[in-house]
Amino acid sequence: MRFSSNIPSKDRIEWGLIVTGRLDYKFSNFVLQMKTTEYANSIKGGELDSQIAIDELYELCAKYSLAVREDLIKIFKRW
């Protein structure tokens, strides 16, 4: 799958902060809020590896880049 440059690079530290719940941010996009909470709980419970969560979240954001753009700009500032 080809990812768009409409979202920040996957190697940015912020992705890890998002999926582990260490970034204190309330998403305006409900699906992102739901998924990031799910990832954080699964990682904390040892049920999910953080890199897999980052990969899944990145794919979701790439697919729906227009819908999540506002949240990504607030978190990543620029890319």
Protein backbone atom coordinates (compact mmCIF):
# COMPACT_ATOMS: atom_id res chain seq x y z
CA MET A 1 0.00 0.00 0.00
CA ARG A 2 1.33 3.44 -0.91
CA PHE A 3 1.04 6.03 1.84
CA SER A 4 0.39 9.68 1.29
CA SER A 5 2.68 12.49 2.34
CA ASN A 6 -0.50 14.09 3.63
CA ILE A 7 0.39 12.60 7.01
CA PRO A 8 3.64 12.68 9.00
CA SER A 9 6.31 10.04 8.52
CA LYS A 10 5.78 6.85 10.49
CA ASP A 11 9.18 7.22 12.17
CA ARG A 12 8.05 10.32 14.11
CA ILE A 13 8.09 9.80 17.89
CA GLU A 14 4.57 11.18 18.23
CA TRP A 15 3.05 7.99 16.78
CA GLY A 16 4.46 5.98 19.68
CA LEU A 17 3.22 8.55 22.19
CA ILE A 18 -0.26 8.38 20.69
CA VAL A 19 -0.65 4.59 20.73
CA THR A 20 0.76 4.17 24.23
CA GLY A 21 -1.48 6.87 25.68
CA ARG A 22 1.46 9.04 26.78
CA LEU A 23 0.22 11.94 24.67
CA ASP A 24 -2.50 13.85 26.50
CA TYR A 25 -4.74 14.84 23.60
CA LYS A 26 -8.48 14.54 23.03
CA PHE A 27 -9.08 13.80 19.34
CA SER A 28 -11.84 15.65 17.54
CA ASN A 29 -12.19 12.61 15.26
CA PHE A 30 -14.23 10.04 17.22
CA VAL A 31 -12.76 7.00 15.44
CA LEU A 32 -9.21 8.16 16.24
CA GLN A 33 -10.16 8.72 19.87
CA MET A 34 -11.67 5.24 20.08
CA LYS A 35 -8.78 3.49 18.33
CA THR A 36 -6.04 5.25 20.29
CA THR A 37 -7.73 4.38 23.58
CA GLU A 38 -8.04 0.78 22.42
CA TYR A 39 -4.36 0.66 21.42
CA ALA A 40 -3.20 2.18 24.72
CA ASN A 41 -5.23 -0.32 26.76
CA SER A 42 -4.09 -3.28 24.66
CA ILE A 43 -0.43 -2.26 24.89
CA LYS A 44 -0.71 -1.67 28.64
CA GLY A 45 -2.32 -5.11 29.04
CA GLY A 46 0.45 -6.78 27.04
CA GLU A 47 -1.96 -7.87 24.32
CA LEU A 48 -0.50 -5.73 21.53
CA ASP A 49 2.98 -4.65 20.49
CA SER A 50 3.34 -0.88 20.12
CA GLN A 51 4.89 -1.16 16.64
CA ILE A 52 1.88 -3.10 15.38
CA ALA A 53 -0.39 -0.42 16.86
CA ILE A 54 1.67 2.31 15.16
CA ASP A 55 1.44 0.46 11.83
CA GLU A 56 -2.34 0.07 12.14
CA LEU A 57 -2.89 3.67 13.21
CA TYR A 58 -0.67 4.94 10.41
CA GLU A 59 -2.63 2.94 7.84
CA LEU A 60 -5.91 4.29 9.21
CA CYS A 61 -4.65 7.88 9.12
CA ALA A 62 -3.24 7.47 5.62
CA LYS A 63 -6.53 6.07 4.35
CA TYR A 64 -8.59 8.85 5.93
CA SER A 65 -6.03 11.64 5.83
CA LEU A 66 -8.55 14.39 5.10
CA ALA A 67 -10.76 13.37 8.03
CA VAL A 68 -7.88 13.25 10.53
CA ARG A 69 -5.82 16.15 9.22
CA GLU A 70 -6.94 18.67 11.85
CA ASP A 71 -5.90 16.37 14.69
CA LEU A 72 -2.58 15.51 13.04
CA ILE A 73 -1.73 19.18 12.54
CA LYS A 74 -2.36 19.88 16.23
CA ILE A 75 -0.16 16.96 17.32
CA PHE A 76 2.66 16.99 14.77
CA LYS A 77 2.60 20.73 13.92
CA ARG A 78 4.41 20.29 10.58
CA TRP A 79 5.87 17.59 8.37
